[in-house]
Amino acid sequence: MEGSHSSTDFQTHVVLNQPTPLADFDLFTSDRVLVEASAREGAAWAALGLSAFGRTLGSAETIEAGVLANRNPPTLRSYDRFGRRRDEVEFHPAWHALMGLAVAEGLHTGPWSDPRPGAHVARAAAFYMLGQVEAGVQCPMAMTYGAAPVVSRAPELAAEWLPRLYSRRYDPRFAPVFGEHGAGKHGALMGMGMTEKQGGSDVRANSTRAEPVAGRAFRLVGHKWFFSAPMCDAFLVLAQSPAGISCFFLPRWTPDGEPNALRLLRLKDKLGDQANASSEVEFEGAWAWLVGEEGRGVPAILEMATYTRLDCTVSSAGLMRQATAQATHHAAGRTAFQRRLIDQPLMTNVLADLALESEAATCLALRLARAFDRQDDEQEAALRRLLTPAAKYWVCKRASAVTAEALEVIGGNGFIEEGPMPRLYRQAPLNSLWEGAGNLMALDALRALARSPATAEAVAAELEPARGGDARLDRHIAGVLDALAHTPQEADARRLCEGLALAVQGALLVRFSSAAAADGFCASRLDGGSGRAFGTLPNGVDFSGIVERATPSLP
């Protein structure tokens, strides 16, 4: 009939040549590097559980929860409606859903409550996957993981608190952990506070005072410029006691069930990590309990930091994996100039370079986790002391570069907030800052070397099985061992960390990865065959073989 039109008459275009969202897949089994590394480093027994967790995390529902948690950041509720101080942090339900998944998986204290061989590696693999969906949830998981062994060394606290910290029931209520007649919260989590305005990383400059009350009880007066995860049930903090800098256990509620006198001034407005809460706090005579020897607070809290530094490395490796997975998935599902992007040589070079960086980071992170599983092995302990700061320094640095390049692979859609790349990009710099920035890590590596000749010996023993596998790696190892044999200068500390991390990564890839990945890594990272940007791998490297290994295997 004249004047009538069908809907197709005004159709402007059909959506074609767009890849499907990367969702509803198993984050574990689709990542062959992770599967191999977790088994190799001692967690083969955990494969079925990791796959189940990987399917949960890779579901569209869980991915959407990460989006919602970031889109609806936490808010501070300073007072209740009657004007009483509340100092409570409120979160979107999506945040609580993700926290519940993480706690149920044991990412907060699993290796301590169930210390079977390979437990730290299994946890690292799960932690690596969690951060690909929502890295903000990792903060309270990491701090509770690091705090638990510190609390275990304080018998008065351990008997009461460890059962709650070990619990796999997430309890988000703003309430005392311990109530009358056995009532209270089902589980507990921990945060920490070290940094003050005037000192930053120099915690010995802290001014917060700890005033003795009775026995090991103190009252804290002062502030923290960064107070991590203020919604937690207790915190490890540093303060100046009469004997010097000491470590204290600061509960959110006092033993008599009243809110402790810690005043949340504001939540930090951060570049990334939007779903997680970071705060500024003042202590107005807050009740706290001395942990460890008075005046020896820095060594006590550094035990916690050792574990959280491992988590920074693992988290950054996970961010790199997700960025690389998004880039390869996009390139496999989009064409330009009559060819898939993934099949075009220049793009394949870029993707292969990203894949090498991601695989090397994953292998190094899980190898480091194995050193935490072998607490009683002197060689592993020596390696752990040096490799923890070196790996954190290098892997966390590389995360920012990888996420930026992966975003560019995806193009304009990578820059749009509806996709995952902006969140990955903003999150990537955090792990370089948290628990000590690059210079602090490099200086810690120097201190580890200076303390014991066994440290350099442990590195040599770690690298020895790879020698003879590739001449380029052999030359690099020789240079690293020579540097370790001489006392490095402070100005050389970053170069030392980079060289050491590359040596261990190269050794792992030469021994255990595909021939294409090992050749590509040695050619580009160790032999001067690459440029300074991704996508400059030298001719002769099997780009397609490397990319195929990194592309998520989907059902």
Protein backbone atom coordinates (compact mmCIF):
# COMPACT_ATOMS: atom_id res chain seq x y z
CA MET A 1 0.00 0.00 0.00
CA GLU A 2 1.32 3.45 -0.88
CA GLY A 3 3.01 5.16 2.03
CA SER A 4 3.67 1.92 3.94
CA HIS A 5 7.20 0.82 4.57
CA SER A 6 8.80 -2.25 6.10
CA SER A 7 11.40 -1.86 8.86
CA THR A 8 14.08 -2.97 6.45
CA ASP A 9 13.50 0.06 4.23
CA PHE A 10 15.25 2.25 6.79
CA GLN A 11 17.94 -0.18 7.86
CA THR A 12 21.23 1.69 7.70
CA HIS A 13 23.59 -1.22 8.20
CA VAL A 14 24.07 -4.76 9.50
CA VAL A 15 26.64 -5.37 12.24
CA LEU A 16 29.33 -7.52 10.67
CA ASN A 17 33.01 -8.22 11.27
CA GLN A 18 32.88 -7.78 15.03
CA PRO A 19 34.28 -10.52 17.30
CA THR A 20 32.06 -12.12 19.91
CA PRO A 21 32.67 -11.17 23.57
CA LEU A 22 35.26 -13.30 25.30
CA ALA A 23 32.95 -14.89 27.86
CA ASP A 24 31.49 -18.20 29.02
CA PHE A 25 34.78 -20.06 28.91
CA ASP A 26 37.20 -21.69 31.36
CA LEU A 27 39.97 -19.28 32.34
CA PHE A 28 42.12 -22.22 33.41
CA THR A 29 41.90 -24.82 30.66
CA SER A 30 41.85 -22.16 27.93
CA ASP A 31 45.28 -20.98 29.15
CA ARG A 32 47.72 -23.76 28.29
CA VAL A 33 50.68 -21.86 29.79
CA LEU A 34 48.91 -21.68 33.16
CA VAL A 35 47.91 -25.35 33.01
CA GLU A 36 51.49 -26.39 32.30
CA ALA A 37 53.08 -24.07 34.86
CA SER A 38 50.75 -24.98 37.72
CA ALA A 39 51.39 -28.69 37.16
CA ARG A 40 55.13 -28.23 36.74
CA GLU A 41 55.46 -26.23 39.95
CA GLY A 42 53.63 -28.74 42.11
CA ALA A 43 49.87 -28.14 41.86
CA ALA A 44 48.78 -30.80 39.36
CA TRP A 45 46.45 -32.13 42.07
CA ALA A 46 44.49 -28.85 41.93
CA ALA A 47 43.67 -28.95 38.20
CA LEU A 48 40.02 -30.00 38.55
CA GLY A 49 39.32 -27.37 41.20
CA LEU A 50 41.14 -24.69 39.23
CA SER A 51 39.11 -25.57 36.15
CA ALA A 52 35.85 -25.31 38.11
CA PHE A 53 36.94 -21.92 39.46
CA GLY A 54 38.04 -20.91 35.96
CA ARG A 55 34.59 -21.71 34.56
CA THR A 56 32.91 -19.69 37.29
CA LEU A 57 35.18 -16.70 36.72
CA GLY A 58 34.85 -16.94 32.93
CA SER A 59 31.07 -16.94 32.97
CA ALA A 60 29.30 -13.92 31.55
CA GLU A 61 27.59 -13.46 34.93
CA THR A 62 30.85 -13.19 36.88
CA ILE A 63 32.45 -10.96 34.26
CA GLU A 64 29.43 -8.66 34.53
CA ALA A 65 29.85 -8.59 38.32
CA GLY A 66 33.35 -7.20 37.81
CA VAL A 67 31.95 -4.51 35.54
CA LEU A 68 29.24 -3.57 38.04
CA ALA A 69 31.62 -3.49 40.99
CA ASN A 70 33.77 -0.95 39.15
CA ARG A 71 30.85 1.06 37.86
CA ASN A 72 29.50 1.37 41.43
CA PRO A 73 32.51 2.13 43.65
CA PRO A 74 32.35 1.97 47.45
CA THR A 75 31.05 4.86 49.53
CA LEU A 76 31.96 6.03 53.02
CA ARG A 77 29.25 6.29 55.62
CA SER A 78 30.82 8.41 58.35
CA TYR A 79 27.79 8.73 60.65
CA ASP A 80 24.53 6.97 61.31
CA ARG A 81 21.26 8.87 61.15
CA PHE A 82 21.51 9.81 64.83
CA GLY A 83 24.88 11.50 64.39
CA ARG A 84 27.01 8.74 65.91
CA ARG A 85 30.33 7.91 64.24
CA ARG A 86 29.94 4.93 61.95
CA ASP A 87 33.04 4.89 59.72
CA GLU A 88 31.57 2.15 57.55
CA VAL A 89 32.35 1.44 53.90
CA GLU A 90 29.42 0.29 51.78
CA PHE A 91 29.79 -1.76 48.57
CA HIS A 92 27.64 -2.78 45.63
CA PRO A 93 26.24 -6.34 45.79
CA ALA A 94 28.48 -7.32 42.86
CA TRP A 95 31.54 -6.64 45.01
CA HIS A 96 30.21 -8.91 47.75
CA ALA A 97 29.44 -11.63 45.21
CA LEU A 98 33.03 -11.58 43.97
CA MET A 99 34.41 -11.52 47.50
CA GLY A 100 32.27 -14.53 48.33
CA LEU A 101 33.73 -16.45 45.39
CA ALA A 102 37.30 -15.58 46.38
CA VAL A 103 36.88 -16.51 50.05
CA ALA A 104 35.11 -19.77 49.21
CA GLU A 105 38.08 -20.66 47.00
CA GLY A 106 40.46 -20.01 49.93
CA LEU A 107 42.37 -17.19 48.26
CA HIS A 108 42.65 -15.39 51.59
CA THR A 109 44.25 -18.14 53.71
CA GLY A 110 43.98 -21.46 51.87
CA PRO A 111 47.68 -22.43 52.00
CA TRP A 112 47.70 -21.86 55.79
CA SER A 113 44.49 -23.70 56.63
CA ASP A 114 45.27 -26.57 54.23
CA PRO A 115 49.08 -26.61 53.88
CA ARG A 116 49.48 -29.45 51.41
CA PRO A 117 52.45 -29.53 48.98
CA GLY A 118 51.84 -27.10 46.12
CA ALA A 119 49.19 -25.12 48.01
CA HIS A 120 50.84 -21.75 47.34
CA VAL A 121 51.14 -22.56 43.63
CA ALA A 122 47.50 -23.64 43.43
CA ARG A 123 46.44 -20.45 45.17
CA ALA A 124 48.65 -18.37 42.86
CA ALA A 125 46.98 -19.92 39.81
CA ALA A 126 43.52 -19.11 41.18
CA PHE A 127 44.60 -15.61 42.22
CA TYR A 128 45.99 -15.04 38.72
CA MET A 129 42.58 -15.89 37.25
CA LEU A 130 40.60 -13.82 39.75
CA GLY A 131 42.43 -10.62 38.82
CA GLN A 132 41.47 -11.06 35.19
CA VAL A 133 37.83 -10.53 36.17
CA GLU A 134 38.21 -8.00 38.99
CA ALA A 135 41.61 -7.14 40.44
CA GLY A 136 40.24 -4.95 43.24
CA VAL A 137 39.01 -8.03 45.11
CA GLN A 138 42.60 -9.21 45.27
CA CYS A 139 43.62 -6.52 47.77
CA PRO A 140 41.87 -7.92 50.89
CA MET A 141 42.69 -11.47 49.74
CA ALA A 142 46.41 -10.65 49.50
CA MET A 143 46.59 -8.83 52.81
CA THR A 144 44.81 -11.57 54.73
CA TYR A 145 47.11 -14.13 53.07
CA GLY A 146 50.16 -12.18 54.21
CA ALA A 147 48.84 -11.31 57.66
CA ALA A 148 47.87 -14.85 58.70
CA PRO A 149 51.43 -16.11 59.32
CA VAL A 150 52.20 -12.96 61.31
CA VAL A 151 49.11 -13.46 63.48
CA SER A 152 50.03 -17.13 63.93
CA ARG A 153 53.21 -16.04 65.72
CA ALA A 154 51.18 -14.19 68.37
CA PRO A 155 49.65 -16.99 70.49
CA GLU A 156 47.12 -14.77 72.23
CA LEU A 157 45.72 -13.60 68.90
CA ALA A 158 46.14 -16.83 66.97
CA ALA A 159 43.89 -18.95 69.18
CA GLU A 160 41.01 -16.53 68.77
CA TRP A 161 41.48 -15.05 65.29
CA LEU A 162 42.94 -17.78 63.09
CA PRO A 163 39.73 -19.88 62.98
CA ARG A 164 37.87 -16.81 61.67
CA LEU A 165 40.64 -15.93 59.22
CA TYR A 166 40.73 -19.52 57.96
CA SER A 167 36.96 -19.66 57.46
CA ARG A 168 35.72 -19.93 53.88
CA ARG A 169 32.46 -18.16 54.67
CA TYR A 170 32.49 -14.55 53.57
CA ASP A 171 30.72 -12.32 56.08
CA PRO A 172 30.41 -8.68 54.94
CA ARG A 173 28.54 -7.44 58.01
CA PHE A 174 29.82 -4.36 59.81
CA ALA A 175 29.83 -6.07 63.18
CA PRO A 176 32.19 -7.41 65.87
CA VAL A 177 33.95 -10.61 64.88
CA PHE A 178 33.28 -12.05 68.34
CA GLY A 179 29.91 -11.71 70.02
CA GLU A 180 28.44 -12.98 73.26
CA HIS A 181 27.93 -16.72 73.78
CA GLY A 182 29.91 -17.65 70.67
CA ALA A 183 28.00 -15.34 68.35
CA GLY A 184 29.76 -13.12 65.88
CA LYS A 185 30.90 -13.15 62.27
CA HIS A 186 31.40 -16.33 60.30
CA GLY A 187 34.75 -15.21 58.92
CA ALA A 188 37.23 -12.34 59.02
CA LEU A 189 39.58 -10.50 56.68
CA MET A 190 42.57 -8.25 57.28
CA GLY A 191 44.02 -5.03 55.91
CA MET A 192 47.07 -2.97 56.78
CA GLY A 193 48.34 0.55 57.32
CA MET A 194 51.97 1.59 57.03
CA THR A 195 52.25 4.75 54.93
CA GLU A 196 52.10 8.22 56.50
CA LYS A 197 52.20 11.61 54.82
CA GLN A 198 55.70 12.54 55.86
CA GLY A 199 57.39 9.21 55.21
CA GLY A 200 55.89 7.28 52.31
CA SER A 201 57.99 4.15 51.90
CA ASP A 202 60.29 5.32 54.71
CA VAL A 203 58.17 3.79 57.47
CA ARG A 204 60.82 4.53 60.09
CA ALA A 205 59.75 8.17 59.74
CA ASN A 206 56.25 7.30 60.95
CA SER A 207 54.91 9.54 63.71
CA THR A 208 51.86 7.59 64.93
CA ARG A 209 52.32 6.99 68.66
CA ALA A 210 51.60 3.78 70.54
CA GLU A 211 50.91 4.47 74.22
CA PRO A 212 51.10 1.45 76.59
CA VAL A 213 47.92 0.49 78.45
CA ALA A 214 48.56 -2.88 80.08
CA GLY A 215 50.55 -5.91 79.01
CA ARG A 216 50.56 -5.99 75.21
CA ALA A 217 47.63 -3.60 74.87
CA PHE A 218 48.31 -0.10 73.51
CA ARG A 219 46.41 2.99 72.38
CA LEU A 220 47.35 4.44 68.98
CA VAL A 221 47.26 8.15 68.21
CA GLY A 222 48.15 9.40 64.73
CA HIS A 223 47.26 8.81 61.09
CA LYS A 224 47.81 6.72 57.97
CA TRP A 225 47.87 8.35 54.55
CA PHE A 226 47.05 5.04 52.85
CA PHE A 227 44.94 2.59 54.84
CA SER A 228 44.14 -0.39 52.64
CA ALA A 229 40.74 -2.11 52.55
CA PRO A 230 39.24 -0.22 55.53
CA MET A 231 36.17 -2.47 55.52
CA CYS A 232 38.25 -5.35 56.91
CA ASP A 233 37.90 -6.73 60.41
CA ALA A 234 41.45 -6.06 61.61
CA PHE A 235 44.68 -4.47 60.41
CA LEU A 236 48.41 -4.73 60.88
CA VAL A 237 49.81 -1.22 61.45
CA LEU A 238 53.12 0.35 62.42
CA ALA A 239 53.49 2.90 65.21
CA GLN A 240 56.19 4.41 67.43
CA SER A 241 56.15 2.72 70.82
CA PRO A 242 58.56 3.61 73.65
CA ALA A 243 61.00 1.03 72.22
CA GLY A 244 60.74 2.23 68.60
CA ILE A 245 58.75 1.25 65.52
CA SER A 246 56.51 -1.67 66.45
CA CYS A 247 53.83 -3.75 64.73
CA PHE A 248 50.28 -3.78 66.10
CA PHE A 249 47.12 -5.74 65.49
CA LEU A 250 44.29 -3.21 65.28
CA PRO A 251 40.76 -4.69 65.30
CA ARG A 252 37.81 -2.84 63.80
CA TRP A 253 35.92 -3.33 67.07
CA THR A 254 37.30 -3.24 70.61
CA PRO A 255 37.21 -6.33 72.86
CA ASP A 256 34.11 -4.94 74.58
CA GLY A 257 32.21 -4.80 71.28
CA GLU A 258 32.41 -1.09 70.57
CA PRO A 259 33.65 0.45 67.29
CA ASN A 260 37.38 1.11 67.62
CA ALA A 261 38.56 4.72 67.50
CA LEU A 262 39.77 4.76 63.92
CA ARG A 263 38.26 7.59 61.91
CA LEU A 264 38.00 7.18 58.15
CA LEU A 265 38.53 10.67 56.76
CA ARG A 266 37.83 9.88 53.12
CA LEU A 267 38.18 7.20 50.47
CA LYS A 268 40.91 7.73 47.89
CA ASP A 269 39.84 8.73 44.38
CA LYS A 270 42.20 6.51 42.40
CA LEU A 271 43.33 6.11 38.80
CA GLY A 272 42.14 2.51 38.79
CA ASP A 273 41.13 -0.14 41.32
CA GLN A 274 37.75 1.58 41.51
CA ALA A 275 35.85 -1.34 43.04
CA ASN A 276 38.19 -1.53 46.03
CA ALA A 277 38.32 0.93 48.92
CA SER A 278 41.51 2.72 49.99
CA SER A 279 41.32 5.37 52.66
CA GLU A 280 42.92 7.96 54.89
CA VAL A 281 42.50 7.36 58.60
CA GLU A 282 43.19 8.96 61.97
CA PHE A 283 43.57 7.03 65.22
CA GLU A 284 42.05 8.74 68.25
CA GLY A 285 43.34 6.43 70.94
CA ALA A 286 42.49 3.27 68.96
CA TRP A 287 42.93 0.04 70.89
CA ALA A 288 45.66 -2.25 69.48
CA TRP A 289 47.67 -5.32 70.45
CA LEU A 290 51.46 -5.57 70.12
CA VAL A 291 52.58 -8.23 67.63
CA GLY A 292 56.09 -9.58 67.97
CA GLU A 293 58.91 -7.83 69.79
CA GLU A 294 58.46 -4.18 70.65
CA GLY A 295 60.75 -2.02 68.53
CA ARG A 296 60.98 -4.72 65.82
CA GLY A 297 57.88 -3.76 63.87
CA VAL A 298 59.46 -3.43 60.44
CA PRO A 299 60.70 -7.06 60.24
CA ALA A 300 57.32 -8.24 61.54
CA ILE A 301 55.26 -6.44 58.93
CA LEU A 302 57.76 -7.21 56.16
CA GLU A 303 56.87 -10.87 56.57
CA MET A 304 53.37 -9.90 55.49
CA ALA A 305 54.77 -7.78 52.66
CA THR A 306 56.78 -10.71 51.30
CA TYR A 307 53.57 -12.58 50.54
CA THR A 308 51.77 -9.55 49.17
CA ARG A 309 54.72 -8.86 46.87
CA LEU A 310 54.33 -12.35 45.48
CA ASP A 311 50.70 -11.48 44.88
CA CYS A 312 51.63 -8.27 43.06
CA THR A 313 53.71 -10.37 40.67
CA VAL A 314 50.98 -12.96 40.18
CA SER A 315 48.31 -10.30 39.71
CA SER A 316 50.35 -8.46 37.07
CA ALA A 317 50.94 -11.72 35.20
CA GLY A 318 47.17 -12.27 35.25
CA LEU A 319 46.48 -8.80 33.88
CA MET A 320 48.96 -9.46 31.06
CA ARG A 321 47.29 -12.77 30.29
CA GLN A 322 43.83 -11.20 30.07
CA ALA A 323 45.10 -8.33 27.90
CA THR A 324 46.85 -10.78 25.56
CA ALA A 325 43.81 -13.05 25.46
CA GLN A 326 41.56 -10.12 24.55
CA ALA A 327 43.97 -9.02 21.80
CA THR A 328 44.38 -12.46 20.22
CA HIS A 329 40.64 -13.17 20.45
CA HIS A 330 39.86 -9.85 18.77
CA ALA A 331 42.42 -10.40 16.02
CA ALA A 332 41.09 -13.89 15.33
CA GLY A 333 37.54 -12.59 14.97
CA ARG A 334 38.06 -9.50 12.81
CA THR A 335 39.18 -9.01 9.23
CA ALA A 336 40.77 -6.09 7.42
CA PHE A 337 41.77 -5.92 3.78
CA GLN A 338 40.22 -9.37 3.15
CA ARG A 339 42.35 -11.14 5.77
CA ARG A 340 41.91 -11.92 9.44
CA LEU A 341 44.02 -9.58 11.57
CA ILE A 342 45.67 -12.52 13.27
CA ASP A 343 46.97 -13.77 9.90
CA GLN A 344 48.61 -10.50 8.84
CA PRO A 345 52.38 -10.69 9.43
CA LEU A 346 52.83 -7.33 11.14
CA MET A 347 49.91 -7.93 13.49
CA THR A 348 51.08 -11.49 14.11
CA ASN A 349 54.45 -10.08 15.15
CA VAL A 350 52.76 -7.77 17.67
CA LEU A 351 50.59 -10.55 19.08
CA ALA A 352 53.54 -12.95 19.33
CA ASP A 353 55.55 -10.33 21.22
CA LEU A 354 52.69 -9.80 23.67
CA ALA A 355 52.30 -13.56 24.06
CA LEU A 356 55.99 -13.96 24.91
CA GLU A 357 55.80 -11.31 27.59
CA SER A 358 52.67 -12.88 29.07
CA GLU A 359 54.02 -16.43 29.07
CA ALA A 360 57.33 -15.39 30.61
CA ALA A 361 55.50 -13.50 33.38
CA THR A 362 53.22 -16.45 34.11
CA CYS A 363 56.09 -18.91 34.29
CA LEU A 364 58.14 -16.65 36.57
CA ALA A 365 55.19 -15.92 38.90
CA LEU A 366 54.33 -19.57 39.43
CA ARG A 367 57.98 -20.55 39.83
CA LEU A 368 58.24 -17.93 42.54
CA ALA A 369 55.11 -19.33 44.20
CA ARG A 370 56.81 -22.74 44.37
CA ALA A 371 59.60 -21.17 46.43
CA PHE A 372 56.91 -20.20 48.98
CA ASP A 373 55.73 -23.80 49.11
CA ARG A 374 59.19 -24.98 50.14
CA GLN A 375 59.53 -23.03 53.38
CA ASP A 376 62.11 -25.41 54.89
CA ASP A 377 64.40 -25.64 51.84
CA GLU A 378 67.39 -23.34 52.39
CA GLN A 379 68.15 -22.96 48.69
CA GLU A 380 64.54 -22.08 47.91
CA ALA A 381 64.51 -19.62 50.82
CA ALA A 382 67.63 -17.89 49.50
CA LEU A 383 66.16 -17.76 46.00
CA ARG A 384 62.87 -16.42 47.38
CA ARG A 385 64.60 -13.55 49.20
CA LEU A 386 66.17 -12.27 45.99
CA LEU A 387 63.65 -13.31 43.35
CA THR A 388 60.59 -11.86 45.12
CA PRO A 389 61.66 -8.20 44.78
CA ALA A 390 63.28 -8.78 41.39
CA ALA A 391 60.20 -10.49 39.94
CA LYS A 392 57.85 -7.90 41.41
CA TYR A 393 60.00 -5.13 39.94
CA TRP A 394 60.11 -6.57 36.42
CA VAL A 395 56.74 -8.24 35.93
CA CYS A 396 54.79 -5.32 37.37
CA LYS A 397 56.67 -2.89 35.13
CA ARG A 398 55.84 -4.91 32.04
CA ALA A 399 52.11 -5.08 32.78
CA SER A 400 51.55 -1.42 31.85
CA ALA A 401 53.31 -1.84 28.51
CA VAL A 402 51.41 -5.02 27.65
CA THR A 403 47.96 -3.63 28.46
CA ALA A 404 48.66 -0.48 26.45
CA GLU A 405 49.73 -2.45 23.37
CA ALA A 406 46.83 -4.89 23.65
CA LEU A 407 44.42 -1.96 23.82
CA GLU A 408 45.92 -0.62 20.59
CA VAL A 409 45.48 -4.00 18.90
CA ILE A 410 41.74 -3.78 19.57
CA GLY A 411 41.67 -0.21 18.32
CA GLY A 412 38.86 2.23 19.07
CA ASN A 413 36.77 -0.45 20.77
CA GLY A 414 39.67 -1.04 23.14
CA PHE A 415 39.38 2.56 24.30
CA ILE A 416 35.67 2.32 25.07
CA GLU A 417 34.60 1.84 28.69
CA GLU A 418 32.08 -0.85 27.77
CA GLY A 419 34.93 -3.27 27.14
CA PRO A 420 37.53 -4.65 29.57
CA MET A 421 40.64 -2.91 28.26
CA PRO A 422 40.32 0.52 29.95
CA ARG A 423 39.94 -1.18 33.32
CA LEU A 424 42.97 -3.42 32.70
CA TYR A 425 44.99 -0.43 31.53
CA ARG A 426 44.16 1.66 34.60
CA GLN A 427 44.78 -1.24 36.94
CA ALA A 428 48.17 -2.20 35.54
CA PRO A 429 50.35 0.48 37.24
CA LEU A 430 49.04 -0.29 40.73
CA ASN A 431 51.11 -3.39 41.45
CA SER A 432 54.30 -1.46 40.71
CA LEU A 433 53.34 0.97 43.48
CA TRP A 434 51.75 -1.30 46.03
CA GLU A 435 54.10 -2.89 48.57
CA GLY A 436 57.06 -0.85 47.35
CA ALA A 437 57.76 0.89 44.07
CA GLY A 438 60.52 -0.08 41.66
CA ASN A 439 63.45 1.53 43.45
CA LEU A 440 62.48 -0.03 46.76
CA MET A 441 62.30 -3.47 45.14
CA ALA A 442 65.70 -2.99 43.52
CA LEU A 443 67.24 -1.93 46.83
CA ASP A 444 65.68 -4.93 48.57
CA ALA A 445 67.30 -7.18 45.97
CA LEU A 446 70.68 -5.63 46.76
CA ARG A 447 70.13 -6.19 50.46
CA ALA A 448 69.24 -9.83 49.85
CA LEU A 449 72.52 -10.29 47.97
CA ALA A 450 74.54 -8.55 50.65
CA ARG A 451 73.13 -10.62 53.49
CA SER A 452 74.30 -14.02 52.29
CA PRO A 453 76.53 -15.56 49.62
CA ALA A 454 73.97 -18.39 49.48
CA THR A 455 71.68 -16.07 47.54
CA ALA A 456 73.89 -15.93 44.45
CA GLU A 457 74.53 -19.66 44.79
CA ALA A 458 70.79 -20.34 44.77
CA VAL A 459 70.40 -18.33 41.55
CA ALA A 460 73.23 -20.26 39.91
CA ALA A 461 71.63 -23.56 40.92
CA GLU A 462 68.27 -22.44 39.54
CA LEU A 463 69.74 -21.47 36.17
CA GLU A 464 72.17 -24.37 35.76
CA PRO A 465 69.69 -26.91 34.27
CA ALA A 466 68.95 -24.53 31.39
CA ARG A 467 72.57 -23.98 30.40
CA GLY A 468 73.44 -25.50 27.06
CA GLY A 469 69.87 -25.19 25.83
CA ASP A 470 70.41 -21.93 23.93
CA ALA A 471 73.66 -20.04 23.33
CA ARG A 472 71.93 -16.68 23.75
CA LEU A 473 70.59 -17.69 27.15
CA ASP A 474 74.01 -19.03 28.14
CA ARG A 475 75.61 -15.65 27.42
CA HIS A 476 72.92 -13.85 29.39
CA ILE A 477 73.24 -16.19 32.36
CA ALA A 478 76.99 -15.74 32.40
CA GLY A 479 76.54 -11.97 32.55
CA VAL A 480 74.01 -12.18 35.37
CA LEU A 481 76.15 -14.52 37.45
CA ASP A 482 79.15 -12.26 36.93
CA ALA A 483 77.11 -9.27 38.14
CA LEU A 484 75.99 -11.21 41.22
CA ALA A 485 79.57 -12.23 42.00
CA HIS A 486 80.63 -8.60 42.29
CA THR A 487 78.98 -6.17 44.66
CA PRO A 488 76.53 -4.24 42.47
CA GLN A 489 76.33 -0.49 42.96
CA GLU A 490 73.06 1.08 44.01
CA ALA A 491 72.69 2.80 40.63
CA ASP A 492 72.87 -0.62 38.94
CA ALA A 493 70.13 -2.20 41.05
CA ARG A 494 67.36 -1.90 38.47
CA ARG A 495 69.57 -3.36 35.75
CA LEU A 496 70.39 -6.25 38.08
CA CYS A 497 66.69 -7.00 38.73
CA GLU A 498 65.86 -6.85 35.04
CA GLY A 499 68.74 -9.12 34.09
CA LEU A 500 67.90 -11.64 36.81
CA ALA A 501 64.21 -11.76 35.94
CA LEU A 502 64.98 -12.24 32.25
CA ALA A 503 67.47 -14.99 33.06
CA VAL A 504 64.95 -16.98 35.10
CA GLN A 505 62.21 -16.40 32.52
CA GLY A 506 64.51 -17.46 29.71
CA ALA A 507 65.60 -20.57 31.60
CA LEU A 508 61.99 -21.59 32.22
CA LEU A 509 60.99 -21.09 28.59
CA VAL A 510 64.04 -22.91 27.20
CA ARG A 511 63.44 -25.86 29.51
CA PHE A 512 59.67 -26.14 29.40
CA SER A 513 57.98 -24.08 26.68
CA SER A 514 57.54 -24.63 22.97
CA ALA A 515 60.57 -24.30 20.72
CA ALA A 516 58.94 -21.28 19.04
CA ALA A 517 58.38 -19.43 22.33
CA ALA A 518 61.86 -20.20 23.67
CA ASP A 519 63.50 -19.07 20.43
CA GLY A 520 61.40 -15.92 20.24
CA PHE A 521 62.16 -14.98 23.83
CA CYS A 522 65.90 -15.51 23.54
CA ALA A 523 66.05 -13.73 20.18
CA SER A 524 64.19 -10.66 21.39
CA ARG A 525 64.85 -10.35 25.12
CA LEU A 526 68.38 -11.68 25.47
CA ASP A 527 70.20 -11.24 22.19
CA GLY A 528 69.50 -7.67 21.14
CA GLY A 529 67.44 -8.84 18.18
CA SER A 530 64.34 -6.81 18.99
CA GLY A 531 63.43 -3.17 18.97
CA ARG A 532 62.02 -1.27 21.92
CA ALA A 533 58.36 -1.58 20.90
CA PHE A 534 56.17 -4.66 20.69
CA GLY A 535 55.93 -6.15 17.22
CA THR A 536 59.64 -5.99 16.45
CA LEU A 537 60.53 -9.66 16.81
CA PRO A 538 63.30 -10.56 14.36
CA ASN A 539 62.70 -12.50 11.17
CA GLY A 540 62.91 -16.24 11.55
CA VAL A 541 60.84 -16.37 14.74
CA ASP A 542 57.72 -18.51 14.43
CA PHE A 543 55.15 -15.78 15.07
CA SER A 544 52.14 -17.95 14.30
CA GLY A 545 53.27 -20.79 16.55
CA ILE A 546 53.67 -18.40 19.49
CA VAL A 547 50.29 -16.75 18.89
CA GLU A 548 48.51 -20.08 18.52
CA ARG A 549 49.87 -21.14 21.93
CA ALA A 550 48.56 -17.93 23.55
CA THR A 551 45.12 -17.69 21.94
CA PRO A 552 42.41 -18.86 24.38
CA SER A 553 41.16 -22.32 23.50
CA LEU A 554 37.39 -21.97 23.63
CA PRO A 555 34.70 -24.70 23.75
